[in-house]
PDB file of N, CA and C in Angstrom:
ATOM      1  N   MET A   1     -21.353  34.715  14.988  1.00  0.00           N
ATOM      2  CA  MET A   1     -20.261  33.746  14.536  1.00  0.00           C
ATOM      3  C   MET A   1     -19.837  34.136  13.133  1.00  0.00           C
ATOM      4  N   TYR A   2     -18.716  34.099  12.819  1.00  0.00           N
ATOM      5  CA  TYR A   2     -18.192  34.445  11.556  1.00  0.00           C
ATOM      6  C   TYR A   2     -17.119  33.531  11.018  1.00  0.00           C
ATOM      7  N   ILE A   3     -16.780  33.647   9.718  1.00  0.00           N
ATOM      8  CA  ILE A   3     -15.752  32.637   9.159  1.00  0.00           C
ATOM      9  C   ILE A   3     -14.514  33.435   9.206  1.00  0.00           C
ATOM     10  N   ILE A   4     -13.424  32.471   9.412  1.00  0.00           N
ATOM     11  CA  ILE A   4     -12.092  33.062   9.535  1.00  0.00           C
ATOM     12  C   ILE A   4     -11.283  32.262   8.174  1.00  0.00           C
ATOM     13  N   ASN A   5     -10.684  32.899   7.496  1.00  0.00           N
ATOM     14  CA  ASN A   5      -9.934  32.309   6.339  1.00  0.00           C
ATOM     15  C   ASN A   5      -8.588  32.970   6.335  1.00  0.00           C
ATOM     16  N   ILE A   6      -7.496  32.531   6.802  1.00  0.00           N
ATOM     17  CA  ILE A   6      -6.248  33.166   6.864  1.00  0.00           C
ATOM     18  C   ILE A   6      -5.275  32.188   5.913  1.00  0.00           C
ATOM     19  N   ASN A   7      -4.831  32.670   4.925  1.00  0.00           N
ATOM     20  CA  ASN A   7      -3.727  31.819   4.050  1.00  0.00           C
ATOM     21  C   ASN A   7      -2.472  31.642   4.837  1.00  0.00           C
ATOM     22  N   ALA A   8      -1.991  30.423   4.458  1.00  0.00           N
ATOM     23  CA  ALA A   8      -0.478  30.124   5.047  1.00  0.00           C
ATOM     24  C   ALA A   8       0.332  30.970   4.418  1.00  0.00           C
ATOM     25  N   THR A   9       1.540  31.219   4.954  1.00  0.00           N
ATOM     26  CA  THR A   9       2.843  31.727   4.594  1.00  0.00           C
ATOM     27  C   THR A   9       3.883  30.705   4.852  1.00  0.00           C
ATOM     28  N   ASN A  10       5.134  31.068   4.531  1.00  0.00           N
ATOM     29  CA  ASN A  10       6.272  30.343   4.640  1.00  0.00           C
ATOM     30  C   ASN A  10       6.485  30.209   6.314  1.00  0.00           C
ATOM     31  N   THR A  11       5.950  31.065   7.050  1.00  0.00           N
ATOM     32  CA  THR A  11       6.161  31.065   8.462  1.00  0.00           C
ATOM     33  C   THR A  11       5.042  30.969   9.438  1.00  0.00           C
ATOM     34  N   THR A  12       3.709  31.111   8.792  1.00  0.00           N
ATOM     35  CA  THR A  12       2.439  31.136   9.560  1.00  0.00           C
ATOM     36  C   THR A  12       1.514  30.058   9.023  1.00  0.00           C
ATOM     37  N   PRO A  13       0.733  29.367   9.859  1.00  0.00           N
ATOM     38  CA  PRO A  13      -0.146  28.311   9.352  1.00  0.00           C
ATOM     39  C   PRO A  13      -1.471  28.990   8.629  1.00  0.00           C
ATOM     40  N   ALA A  14      -2.045  28.168   7.899  1.00  0.00           N
ATOM     41  CA  ALA A  14      -3.552  28.526   7.300  1.00  0.00           C
ATOM     42  C   ALA A  14      -4.354  28.403   8.544  1.00  0.00           C
ATOM     43  N   ILE A  15      -5.377  29.275   8.717  1.00  0.00           N
ATOM     44  CA  ILE A  15      -6.336  29.179   9.834  1.00  0.00           C
ATOM     45  C   ILE A  15      -7.703  29.238   8.962  1.00  0.00           C
ATOM     46  N   ARG A  16      -8.538  28.288   9.269  1.00  0.00           N
ATOM     47  CA  ARG A  16      -9.680  28.211   8.728  1.00  0.00           C
ATOM     48  C   ARG A  16     -10.929  27.849   9.706  1.00  0.00           C
ATOM     49  N   TYR A  17     -11.979  28.724  10.048  1.00  0.00           N
ATOM     50  CA  TYR A  17     -12.914  28.625  10.873  1.00  0.00           C
ATOM     51  C   TYR A  17     -14.209  28.682  10.235  1.00  0.00           C
ATOM     52  N   THR A  18     -15.110  27.526  10.180  1.00  0.00           N
ATOM     53  CA  THR A  18     -16.307  27.619   9.425  1.00  0.00           C
ATOM     54  C   THR A  18     -17.635  27.635  10.447  1.00  0.00           C
ATOM     55  N   LYS A  19     -18.634  28.011   9.861  1.00  0.00           N
ATOM     56  CA  LYS A  19     -19.864  28.145  10.751  1.00  0.00           C
ATOM     57  C   LYS A  19     -20.339  27.006  11.317  1.00  0.00           C
ATOM     58  N   ASP A  20     -19.788  25.782  10.917  1.00  0.00           N
ATOM     59  CA  ASP A  20     -20.416  24.537  11.455  1.00  0.00           C
ATOM     60  C   ASP A  20     -19.491  24.245  12.590  1.00  0.00           C
ATOM     61  N   GLY A  21     -18.585  24.937  13.135  1.00  0.00           N
ATOM     62  CA  GLY A  21     -17.881  24.686  14.325  1.00  0.00           C
ATOM     63  C   GLY A  21     -16.641  23.979  14.145  1.00  0.00           C
ATOM     64  N   ARG A  22     -15.880  24.135  13.021  1.00  0.00           N
ATOM     65  CA  ARG A  22     -14.662  23.470  12.813  1.00  0.00           C
ATOM     66  C   ARG A  22     -13.556  24.561  12.572  1.00  0.00           C
ATOM     67  N   LEU A  23     -12.595  24.530  13.434  1.00  0.00           N
ATOM     68  CA  LEU A  23     -11.321  25.304  13.259  1.00  0.00           C
ATOM     69  C   LEU A  23     -10.136  24.389  12.803  1.00  0.00           C
ATOM     70  N   GLN A  24      -9.601  24.748  11.686  1.00  0.00           N
ATOM     71  CA  GLN A  24      -8.325  24.044  11.131  1.00  0.00           C
ATOM     72  C   GLN A  24      -7.170  24.972  11.140  1.00  0.00           C
ATOM     73  N   ILE A  25      -6.123  24.349  11.646  1.00  0.00           N
ATOM     74  CA  ILE A  25      -4.750  24.989  11.739  1.00  0.00           C
ATOM     75  C   ILE A  25      -3.816  24.027  10.820  1.00  0.00           C
ATOM     76  N   SER A  26      -3.201  24.493   9.761  1.00  0.00           N
ATOM     77  CA  SER A  26      -2.355  23.505   9.145  1.00  0.00           C
ATOM     78  C   SER A  26      -1.133  24.321   8.463  1.00  0.00           C
ATOM     79  N   GLY A  27      -0.169  23.719   8.187  1.00  0.00           N
ATOM     80  CA  GLY A  27       1.039  24.297   7.615  1.00  0.00           C
ATOM     81  C   GLY A  27       2.165  24.303   8.480  1.00  0.00           C
ATOM     82  N   ARG A  28       2.886  25.467   8.480  1.00  0.00           N
ATOM     83  CA  ARG A  28       4.026  25.609   9.299  1.00  0.00           C
ATOM     84  C   ARG A  28       3.956  26.804  10.096  1.00  0.00           C
ATOM     85  N   SER A  29       4.363  26.741  11.432  1.00  0.00           N
ATOM     86  CA  SER A  29       4.288  27.816  12.417  1.00  0.00           C
ATOM     87  C   SER A  29       5.586  28.151  13.106  1.00  0.00           C
ATOM     88  N   ILE A  30       6.392  28.883  12.433  1.00  0.00           N
ATOM     89  CA  ILE A  30       7.724  29.266  12.892  1.00  0.00           C
ATOM     90  C   ILE A  30       7.846  30.841  13.206  1.00  0.00           C
ATOM     91  N   THR A  31       6.776  31.295  13.748  1.00  0.00           N
ATOM     92  CA  THR A  31       6.771  32.767  14.065  1.00  0.00           C
ATOM     93  C   THR A  31       7.633  32.994  15.258  1.00  0.00           C
ATOM     94  N   GLU A  32       8.459  33.959  15.119  1.00  0.00           N
ATOM     95  CA  GLU A  32       9.391  34.483  16.205  1.00  0.00           C
ATOM     96  C   GLU A  32       8.480  35.332  17.209  1.00  0.00           C
ATOM     97  N   GLY A  33       7.722  36.391  16.607  1.00  0.00           N
ATOM     98  CA  GLY A  33       7.021  37.134  17.434  1.00  0.00           C
ATOM     99  C   GLY A  33       5.623  36.738  17.484  1.00  0.00           C
ATOM    100  N   GLY A  34       5.420  35.610  17.642  1.00  0.00           N
ATOM    101  CA  GLY A  34       4.022  34.863  17.716  1.00  0.00           C
ATOM    102  C   GLY A  34       2.838  35.654  18.180  1.00  0.00           C
ATOM    103  N   ILE A  35       3.093  36.519  19.037  1.00  0.00           N
ATOM    104  CA  ILE A  35       1.943  37.417  19.497  1.00  0.00           C
ATOM    105  C   ILE A  35       1.201  37.978  18.414  1.00  0.00           C
ATOM    106  N   ASN A  36       1.910  38.709  17.337  1.00  0.00           N
ATOM    107  CA  ASN A  36       1.285  39.158  16.277  1.00  0.00           C
ATOM    108  C   ASN A  36       0.321  38.443  15.474  1.00  0.00           C
ATOM    109  N   PHE A  37       0.658  37.090  15.230  1.00  0.00           N
ATOM    110  CA  PHE A  37      -0.184  36.241  14.583  1.00  0.00           C
ATOM    111  C   PHE A  37      -1.249  35.633  15.520  1.00  0.00           C
ATOM    112  N   TYR A  38      -0.959  35.090  16.624  1.00  0.00           N
ATOM    113  CA  TYR A  38      -1.808  34.380  17.322  1.00  0.00           C
ATOM    114  C   TYR A  38      -2.729  35.057  18.216  1.00  0.00           C
ATOM    115  N   GLN A  39      -2.338  36.431  18.740  1.00  0.00           N
ATOM    116  CA  GLN A  39      -3.096  37.051  19.722  1.00  0.00           C
ATOM    117  C   GLN A  39      -4.618  37.422  19.175  1.00  0.00           C
ATOM    118  N   PRO A  40      -4.839  37.947  18.058  1.00  0.00           N
ATOM    119  CA  PRO A  40      -6.284  38.054  17.605  1.00  0.00           C
ATOM    120  C   PRO A  40      -7.011  36.629  17.593  1.00  0.00           C
ATOM    121  N   LEU A  41      -6.361  35.589  17.297  1.00  0.00           N
ATOM    122  CA  LEU A  41      -7.050  34.409  17.545  1.00  0.00           C
ATOM    123  C   LEU A  41      -7.335  33.840  19.054  1.00  0.00           C
ATOM    124  N   ILE A  42      -6.326  34.312  19.890  1.00  0.00           N
ATOM    125  CA  ILE A  42      -6.598  34.004  21.323  1.00  0.00           C
ATOM    126  C   ILE A  42      -7.773  34.929  21.812  1.00  0.00           C
ATOM    127  N   ASP A  43      -7.729  36.068  21.368  1.00  0.00           N
ATOM    128  CA  ASP A  43      -8.743  37.114  21.664  1.00  0.00           C
ATOM    129  C   ASP A  43     -10.331  36.593  21.299  1.00  0.00           C
ATOM    130  N   TRP A  44     -10.147  36.085  19.977  1.00  0.00           N
ATOM    131  CA  TRP A  44     -11.451  35.513  19.319  1.00  0.00           C
ATOM    132  C   TRP A  44     -11.874  34.285  20.249  1.00  0.00           C
ATOM    133  N   ALA A  45     -10.790  33.384  20.475  1.00  0.00           N
ATOM    134  CA  ALA A  45     -11.383  32.260  21.222  1.00  0.00           C
ATOM    135  C   ALA A  45     -11.980  32.322  22.581  1.00  0.00           C
ATOM    136  N   GLY A  46     -11.691  33.412  23.223  1.00  0.00           N
ATOM    137  CA  GLY A  46     -12.245  33.715  24.526  1.00  0.00           C
ATOM    138  C   GLY A  46     -13.630  34.210  24.327  1.00  0.00           C
ATOM    139  N   THR A  47     -13.945  34.582  23.169  1.00  0.00           N
ATOM    140  CA  THR A  47     -15.328  35.166  23.039  1.00  0.00           C
ATOM    141  C   THR A  47     -16.237  34.343  22.141  1.00  0.00           C
ATOM    142  N   LEU A  48     -15.831  33.195  21.616  1.00  0.00           N
ATOM    143  CA  LEU A  48     -16.556  32.248  20.957  1.00  0.00           C
ATOM    144  C   LEU A  48     -17.728  31.575  21.502  1.00  0.00           C
ATOM    145  N   GLN A  49     -18.799  31.487  21.019  1.00  0.00           N
ATOM    146  CA  GLN A  49     -19.999  31.010  21.513  1.00  0.00           C
ATOM    147  C   GLN A  49     -20.511  29.917  20.775  1.00  0.00           C
ATOM    148  N   ILE A  50     -20.106  28.695  21.036  1.00  0.00           N
ATOM    149  CA  ILE A  50     -20.663  27.577  20.351  1.00  0.00           C
ATOM    150  C   ILE A  50     -20.649  26.296  21.275  1.00  0.00           C
ATOM    151  N   LYS A  51     -21.586  25.356  20.950  1.00  0.00           N
ATOM    152  CA  LYS A  51     -21.663  24.170  21.955  1.00  0.00           C
ATOM    153  C   LYS A  51     -20.548  23.126  21.680  1.00  0.00           C
ATOM    154  N   LEU A  52     -20.199  23.022  20.363  1.00  0.00           N
ATOM    155  CA  LEU A  52     -19.378  21.935  19.913  1.00  0.00           C
ATOM    156  C   LEU A  52     -18.353  22.444  19.051  1.00  0.00           C
ATOM    157  N   LEU A  53     -17.039  22.255  19.434  1.00  0.00           N
ATOM    158  CA  LEU A  53     -15.885  22.954  18.472  1.00  0.00           C
ATOM    159  C   LEU A  53     -14.945  21.923  18.290  1.00  0.00           C
ATOM    160  N   SER A  54     -14.671  21.607  17.015  1.00  0.00           N
ATOM    161  CA  SER A  54     -13.803  20.691  16.631  1.00  0.00           C
ATOM    162  C   SER A  54     -12.621  21.292  15.959  1.00  0.00           C
ATOM    163  N   VAL A  55     -11.344  21.008  16.479  1.00  0.00           N
ATOM    164  CA  VAL A  55     -10.139  21.677  16.030  1.00  0.00           C
ATOM    165  C   VAL A  55      -9.329  20.650  15.360  1.00  0.00           C
ATOM    166  N   ASP A  56      -8.942  20.930  14.178  1.00  0.00           N
ATOM    167  CA  ASP A  56      -7.997  20.106  13.492  1.00  0.00           C
ATOM    168  C   ASP A  56      -6.605  20.827  13.375  1.00  0.00           C
ATOM    169  N   ILE A  57      -5.525  20.110  13.992  1.00  0.00           N
ATOM    170  CA  ILE A  57      -4.128  20.708  13.943  1.00  0.00           C
ATOM    171  C   ILE A  57      -3.394  19.798  13.102  1.00  0.00           C
ATOM    172  N   ASN A  58      -2.903  20.223  12.061  1.00  0.00           N
ATOM    173  CA  ASN A  58      -1.989  19.541  11.166  1.00  0.00           C
ATOM    174  C   ASN A  58      -0.840  20.396  10.734  1.00  0.00           C
ATOM    175  N   LEU A  59       0.109  20.432  11.790  1.00  0.00           N
ATOM    176  CA  LEU A  59       1.332  21.308  11.553  1.00  0.00           C
ATOM    177  C   LEU A  59       2.485  20.376  11.167  1.00  0.00           C
ATOM    178  N   GLU A  60       3.096  20.749   9.970  1.00  0.00           N
ATOM    179  CA  GLU A  60       4.317  19.944   9.643  1.00  0.00           C
ATOM    180  C   GLU A  60       5.523  20.550  10.499  1.00  0.00           C
ATOM    181  N   TYR A  61       5.546  21.675  10.952  1.00  0.00           N
ATOM    182  CA  TYR A  61       6.614  22.224  11.891  1.00  0.00           C
ATOM    183  C   TYR A  61       6.024  23.217  12.769  1.00  0.00           C
ATOM    184  N   LEU A  62       6.461  23.096  14.016  1.00  0.00           N
ATOM    185  CA  LEU A  62       6.022  24.159  15.025  1.00  0.00           C
ATOM    186  C   LEU A  62       7.309  24.394  16.049  1.00  0.00           C
ATOM    187  N   ASN A  63       7.611  25.663  15.916  1.00  0.00           N
ATOM    188  CA  ASN A  63       8.820  26.216  16.788  1.00  0.00           C
ATOM    189  C   ASN A  63       8.314  26.433  18.279  1.00  0.00           C
ATOM    190  N   SER A  64       9.258  26.672  19.045  1.00  0.00           N
ATOM    191  CA  SER A  64       8.858  26.747  20.554  1.00  0.00           C
ATOM    192  C   SER A  64       8.033  27.954  20.841  1.00  0.00           C
ATOM    193  N   THR A  65       8.299  29.084  20.056  1.00  0.00           N
ATOM    194  CA  THR A  65       7.383  30.276  20.352  1.00  0.00           C
ATOM    195  C   THR A  65       6.070  29.997  19.910  1.00  0.00           C
ATOM    196  N   SER A  66       5.901  29.324  18.692  1.00  0.00           N
ATOM    197  CA  SER A  66       4.529  29.032  18.143  1.00  0.00           C
ATOM    198  C   SER A  66       3.790  28.048  19.076  1.00  0.00           C
ATOM    199  N   SER A  67       4.616  27.080  19.512  1.00  0.00           N
ATOM    200  CA  SER A  67       4.147  25.997  20.385  1.00  0.00           C
ATOM    201  C   SER A  67       3.489  26.705  21.530  1.00  0.00           C
ATOM    202  N   LYS A  68       4.172  27.699  22.283  1.00  0.00           N
ATOM    203  CA  LYS A  68       3.589  28.408  23.455  1.00  0.00           C
ATOM    204  C   LYS A  68       2.212  29.045  23.134  1.00  0.00           C
ATOM    205  N   LYS A  69       2.213  29.762  21.878  1.00  0.00           N
ATOM    206  CA  LYS A  69       1.153  30.468  21.641  1.00  0.00           C
ATOM    207  C   LYS A  69      -0.050  29.578  21.093  1.00  0.00           C
ATOM    208  N   LEU A  70       0.255  28.488  20.532  1.00  0.00           N
ATOM    209  CA  LEU A  70      -0.753  27.466  20.345  1.00  0.00           C
ATOM    210  C   LEU A  70      -1.350  26.922  21.493  1.00  0.00           C
ATOM    211  N   LEU A  71      -0.622  26.718  22.478  1.00  0.00           N
ATOM    212  CA  LEU A  71      -1.089  26.155  23.625  1.00  0.00           C
ATOM    213  C   LEU A  71      -1.945  27.202  24.351  1.00  0.00           C
ATOM    214  N   HIS A  72      -1.573  28.524  24.379  1.00  0.00           N
ATOM    215  CA  HIS A  72      -2.325  29.557  24.903  1.00  0.00           C
ATOM    216  C   HIS A  72      -3.636  29.577  24.159  1.00  0.00           C
ATOM    217  N   LEU A  73      -3.746  29.497  22.847  1.00  0.00           N
ATOM    218  CA  LEU A  73      -5.002  29.346  22.254  1.00  0.00           C
ATOM    219  C   LEU A  73      -5.896  28.255  22.680  1.00  0.00           C
ATOM    220  N   LEU A  74      -5.263  26.907  22.582  1.00  0.00           N
ATOM    221  CA  LEU A  74      -6.069  25.828  23.103  1.00  0.00           C
ATOM    222  C   LEU A  74      -6.603  26.080  24.524  1.00  0.00           C
ATOM    223  N   LYS A  75      -5.663  26.555  25.490  1.00  0.00           N
ATOM    224  CA  LYS A  75      -6.165  26.807  26.998  1.00  0.00           C
ATOM    225  C   LYS A  75      -7.322  27.744  26.821  1.00  0.00           C
ATOM    226  N   THR A  76      -7.306  28.778  26.148  1.00  0.00           N
ATOM    227  CA  THR A  76      -8.454  29.885  26.031  1.00  0.00           C
ATOM    228  C   THR A  76      -9.640  29.102  25.592  1.00  0.00           C
ATOM    229  N   LEU A  77      -9.620  28.291  24.511  1.00  0.00           N
ATOM    230  CA  LEU A  77     -10.748  27.431  24.053  1.00  0.00           C
ATOM    231  C   LEU A  77     -11.277  26.550  25.120  1.00  0.00           C
ATOM    232  N   ASP A  78     -10.377  25.932  25.886  1.00  0.00           N
ATOM    233  CA  ASP A  78     -10.578  25.015  27.018  1.00  0.00           C
ATOM    234  C   ASP A  78     -11.250  25.406  28.174  1.00  0.00           C
ATOM    235  N   THR A  79     -10.892  26.702  28.383  1.00  0.00           N
ATOM    236  CA  THR A  79     -11.621  27.538  29.610  1.00  0.00           C
ATOM    237  C   THR A  79     -12.896  28.361  29.172  1.00  0.00           C
ATOM    238  N   ASN A  80     -13.116  28.481  27.924  1.00  0.00           N
ATOM    239  CA  ASN A  80     -14.295  29.082  27.494  1.00  0.00           C
ATOM    240  C   ASN A  80     -15.520  28.347  27.761  1.00  0.00           C
ATOM    241  N   ASN A  81     -16.275  29.014  28.800  1.00  0.00           N
ATOM    242  CA  ASN A  81     -17.540  28.127  29.394  1.00  0.00           C
ATOM    243  C   ASN A  81     -18.627  28.155  28.161  1.00  0.00           C
ATOM    244  N   ASN A  82     -18.542  28.967  27.208  1.00  0.00           N
ATOM    245  CA  ASN A  82     -19.676  28.985  26.141  1.00  0.00           C
ATOM    246  C   ASN A  82     -19.511  27.673  25.307  1.00  0.00           C
ATOM    247  N   ILE A  83     -18.253  27.082  25.255  1.00  0.00           N
ATOM    248  CA  ILE A  83     -17.912  25.880  24.377  1.00  0.00           C
ATOM    249  C   ILE A  83     -18.188  24.754  25.397  1.00  0.00           C
ATOM    250  N   LYS A  84     -19.194  23.922  25.117  1.00  0.00           N
ATOM    251  CA  LYS A  84     -19.564  22.972  26.104  1.00  0.00           C
ATOM    252  C   LYS A  84     -18.721  21.589  25.724  1.00  0.00           C
ATOM    253  N   LYS A  85     -18.326  21.335  24.428  1.00  0.00           N
ATOM    254  CA  LYS A  85     -17.512  20.276  24.117  1.00  0.00           C
ATOM    255  C   LYS A  85     -16.460  20.609  23.134  1.00  0.00           C
ATOM    256  N   LEU A  86     -15.240  20.294  23.348  1.00  0.00           N
ATOM    257  CA  LEU A  86     -13.943  20.657  22.575  1.00  0.00           C
ATOM    258  C   LEU A  86     -13.251  19.545  22.107  1.00  0.00           C
ATOM    259  N   LEU A  87     -13.306  19.082  20.843  1.00  0.00           N
ATOM    260  CA  LEU A  87     -12.511  18.020  20.286  1.00  0.00           C
ATOM    261  C   LEU A  87     -11.297  18.402  19.577  1.00  0.00           C
ATOM    262  N   ILE A  88     -10.304  17.974  19.959  1.00  0.00           N
ATOM    263  CA  ILE A  88      -8.973  18.227  19.076  1.00  0.00           C
ATOM    264  C   ILE A  88      -8.362  17.067  18.264  1.00  0.00           C
ATOM    265  N   ASN A  89      -8.350  17.272  17.062  1.00  0.00           N
ATOM    266  CA  ASN A  89      -7.664  16.112  16.186  1.00  0.00           C
ATOM    267  C   ASN A  89      -6.318  16.599  15.880  1.00  0.00           C
ATOM    268  N   TRP A  90      -5.250  15.929  16.386  1.00  0.00           N
ATOM    269  CA  TRP A  90      -3.939  16.304  16.289  1.00  0.00           C
ATOM    270  C   TRP A  90      -3.170  15.353  15.174  1.00  0.00           C
ATOM    271  N   PHE A  91      -2.861  15.979  14.172  1.00  0.00           N
ATOM    272  CA  PHE A  91      -2.366  15.154  12.981  1.00  0.00           C
ATOM    273  C   PHE A  91      -0.876  15.288  13.188  1.00  0.00           C
ATOM    274  N   TYR A  92      -0.078  14.288  12.805  1.00  0.00           N
ATOM    275  CA  TYR A  92       1.388  14.203  12.891  1.00  0.00           C
ATOM    276  C   TYR A  92       1.869  13.183  11.727  1.00  0.00           C
ATOM    277  N   ASP A  93       3.049  13.469  11.291  1.00  0.00           N
ATOM    278  CA  ASP A  93       3.469  12.637  10.060  1.00  0.00           C
ATOM    279  C   ASP A  93       4.075  11.298  10.772  1.00  0.00           C
ATOM    280  N   GLU A  94       3.918  10.305   9.974  1.00  0.00           N
ATOM    281  CA  GLU A  94       4.514   8.842  10.307  1.00  0.00           C
ATOM    282  C   GLU A  94       6.000   9.162  10.738  1.00  0.00           C
ATOM    283  N   GLY A  95       6.385   8.553  11.855  1.00  0.00           N
ATOM    284  CA  GLY A  95       7.751   8.709  12.195  1.00  0.00           C
ATOM    285  C   GLY A  95       8.137   9.959  12.851  1.00  0.00           C
ATOM    286  N   ASP A  96       7.317  11.092  13.035  1.00  0.00           N
ATOM    287  CA  ASP A  96       7.566  12.316  13.572  1.00  0.00           C
ATOM    288  C   ASP A  96       7.197  12.223  15.015  1.00  0.00           C
ATOM    289  N   ASP A  97       7.927  11.492  15.880  1.00  0.00           N
ATOM    290  CA  ASP A  97       7.667  11.196  17.276  1.00  0.00           C
ATOM    291  C   ASP A  97       7.591  12.735  18.054  1.00  0.00           C
ATOM    292  N   ASP A  98       8.544  13.716  17.726  1.00  0.00           N
ATOM    293  CA  ASP A  98       8.492  15.052  18.287  1.00  0.00           C
ATOM    294  C   ASP A  98       7.001  15.771  18.256  1.00  0.00           C
ATOM    295  N   ALA A  99       6.487  15.545  17.021  1.00  0.00           N
ATOM    296  CA  ALA A  99       5.075  16.214  16.780  1.00  0.00           C
ATOM    297  C   ALA A  99       4.053  15.556  17.667  1.00  0.00           C
ATOM    298  N   LEU A 100       4.114  14.174  17.643  1.00  0.00           N
ATOM    299  CA  LEU A 100       3.218  13.479  18.546  1.00  0.00           C
ATOM    300  C   LEU A 100       3.371  13.905  20.032  1.00  0.00           C
ATOM    301  N   ASP A 101       4.551  13.940  20.404  1.00  0.00           N
ATOM    302  CA  ASP A 101       4.921  14.466  21.893  1.00  0.00           C
ATOM    303  C   ASP A 101       4.424  15.765  22.086  1.00  0.00           C
ATOM    304  N   LYS A 102       4.511  16.732  21.234  1.00  0.00           N
ATOM    305  CA  LYS A 102       3.947  18.129  21.488  1.00  0.00           C
ATOM    306  C   LYS A 102       2.451  18.084  21.659  1.00  0.00           C
ATOM    307  N   GLY A 103       1.751  17.292  20.928  1.00  0.00           N
ATOM    308  CA  GLY A 103       0.375  17.145  21.055  1.00  0.00           C
ATOM    309  C   GLY A 103       0.060  16.512  22.430  1.00  0.00           C
ATOM    310  N   GLN A 104       0.852  15.502  22.793  1.00  0.00           N
ATOM    311  CA  GLN A 104       0.404  14.881  24.088  1.00  0.00           C
ATOM    312  C   GLN A 104       0.677  15.726  25.202  1.00  0.00           C
ATOM    313  N   VAL A 105       1.783  16.591  25.131  1.00  0.00           N
ATOM    314  CA  VAL A 105       2.052  17.469  26.189  1.00  0.00           C
ATOM    315  C   VAL A 105       1.038  18.629  26.282  1.00  0.00           C
ATOM    316  N   MET A 106       0.559  19.016  25.193  1.00  0.00           N
ATOM    317  CA  MET A 106      -0.593  19.972  25.138  1.00  0.00           C
ATOM    318  C   MET A 106      -1.873  19.317  25.782  1.00  0.00           C
ATOM    319  N   GLU A 107      -2.108  18.203  25.380  1.00  0.00           N
ATOM    320  CA  GLU A 107      -3.302  17.587  26.001  1.00  0.00           C
ATOM    321  C   GLU A 107      -3.359  17.413  27.527  1.00  0.00           C
ATOM    322  N   GLY A 108      -2.145  17.277  28.071  1.00  0.00           N
ATOM    323  CA  GLY A 108      -1.975  17.231  29.485  1.00  0.00           C
ATOM    324  C   GLY A 108      -2.263  18.567  30.260  1.00  0.00           C
ATOM    325  N   PHE A 109      -2.130  19.768  29.450  1.00  0.00           N
ATOM    326  CA  PHE A 109      -2.452  21.079  30.120  1.00  0.00           C
ATOM    327  C   PHE A 109      -4.084  21.349  29.888  1.00  0.00           C
ATOM    328  N   LEU A 110      -4.658  20.617  29.323  1.00  0.00           N
ATOM    329  CA  LEU A 110      -6.288  20.938  28.989  1.00  0.00           C
ATOM    330  C   LEU A 110      -7.186  19.981  29.768  1.00  0.00           C
ATOM    331  N   HIS A 111      -8.217  20.372  30.219  1.00  0.00           N
ATOM    332  CA  HIS A 111      -9.148  19.733  31.089  1.00  0.00           C
ATOM    333  C   HIS A 111     -10.281  19.190  30.266  1.00  0.00           C
ATOM    334  N   LYS A 112     -10.967  20.051  29.443  1.00  0.00           N
ATOM    335  CA  LYS A 112     -12.242  19.718  28.915  1.00  0.00           C
ATOM    336  C   LYS A 112     -11.965  18.947  27.485  1.00  0.00           C
ATOM    337  N   ALA A 113     -10.864  19.358  26.889  1.00  0.00           N
ATOM    338  CA  ALA A 113     -10.746  18.939  25.440  1.00  0.00           C
ATOM    339  C   ALA A 113     -10.571  17.420  25.521  1.00  0.00           C
ATOM    340  N   GLU A 114     -10.979  16.935  24.422  1.00  0.00           N
ATOM    341  CA  GLU A 114     -10.845  15.416  23.926  1.00  0.00           C
ATOM    342  C   GLU A 114     -10.031  15.374  22.871  1.00  0.00           C
ATOM    343  N   PHE A 115      -8.801  14.707  23.018  1.00  0.00           N
ATOM    344  CA  PHE A 115      -7.816  14.592  21.943  1.00  0.00           C
ATOM    345  C   PHE A 115      -7.949  13.342  21.297  1.00  0.00           C
ATOM    346  N   SER A 116      -7.797  13.441  19.984  1.00  0.00           N
ATOM    347  CA  SER A 116      -7.507  12.124  19.118  1.00  0.00           C
ATOM    348  C   SER A 116      -6.419  12.395  18.363  1.00  0.00           C
ATOM    349  N   PHE A 117      -5.425  11.347  18.170  1.00  0.00           N
ATOM    350  CA  PHE A 117      -4.278  11.539  17.494  1.00  0.00           C
ATOM    351  C   PHE A 117      -4.181  10.716  16.172  1.00  0.00           C
ATOM    352  N   HIS A 118      -3.854  11.356  15.102  1.00  0.00           N
ATOM    353  CA  HIS A 118      -3.903  10.811  13.824  1.00  0.00           C
ATOM    354  C   HIS A 118      -2.667  10.941  12.989  1.00  0.00           C
ATOM    355  N   MET A 119      -2.099   9.677  12.565  1.00  0.00           N
ATOM    356  CA  MET A 119      -0.888   9.667  11.929  1.00  0.00           C
ATOM    357  C   MET A 119      -1.004   9.972  10.516  1.00  0.00           C
ATOM    358  N   ASN A 120      -0.542  10.837   9.857  1.00  0.00           N
ATOM    359  CA  ASN A 120      -0.431  11.100   8.425  1.00  0.00           C
ATOM    360  C   ASN A 120       0.560  10.028   7.739  1.00  0.00           C
ATOM    361  N   SER A 121       0.096   9.309   6.699  1.00  0.00           N
ATOM    362  CA  SER A 121       1.045   8.498   6.093  1.00  0.00           C
ATOM    363  C   SER A 121       1.208   8.924   4.512  1.00  0.00           C
ATOM    364  N   GLY A 122       2.487   8.566   4.113  1.00  0.00           N
ATOM    365  CA  GLY A 122       2.792   8.979   2.789  1.00  0.00           C
ATOM    366  C   GLY A 122       2.566  10.444   2.619  1.00  0.00           C
ATOM    367  N   THR A 123       1.869  10.971   1.565  1.00  0.00           N
ATOM    368  CA  THR A 123       1.796  12.247   1.192  1.00  0.00           C
ATOM    369  C   THR A 123       0.685  13.075   1.600  1.00  0.00           C
ATOM    370  N   GLU A 124      -0.051  12.508   2.669  1.00  0.00           N
ATOM    371  CA  GLU A 124      -1.246  13.013   3.186  1.00  0.00           C
ATOM    372  C   GLU A 124      -0.949  14.335   4.023  1.00  0.00           C
ATOM    373  N   LYS A 125      -1.757  15.479   3.940  1.00  0.00           N
ATOM    374  CA  LYS A 125      -1.566  16.526   4.717  1.00  0.00           C
ATOM    375  C   LYS A 125      -2.864  17.152   4.820  1.00  0.00           C
TER     376      LYS A 125
END
């Protein structure tokens, strides 16, 4: 198991994975050719071996291409038999019903994952 530390850009989110089993995805994801950014993460997700994985998703904006790739990443984690428990913390800004809806739609495609929805208020990120 190794650490992942990818800094955010104007179009890609920050990705942090720590040895304690926490994956954090935050920032903006407006990649048009999302495969270049997300595919290595999807490949990694299929080989990850950990009993409990906690994923924090706190995206201020997610376009449709990125949304599909993020869902593919989450599905890969969800179907990875080496991960026994998968917790997803979905953060969204107060009043951003679209972001909440995206998280709820993704929840519907997953079987093992346990979702928790958290509203950011004020300037939290």
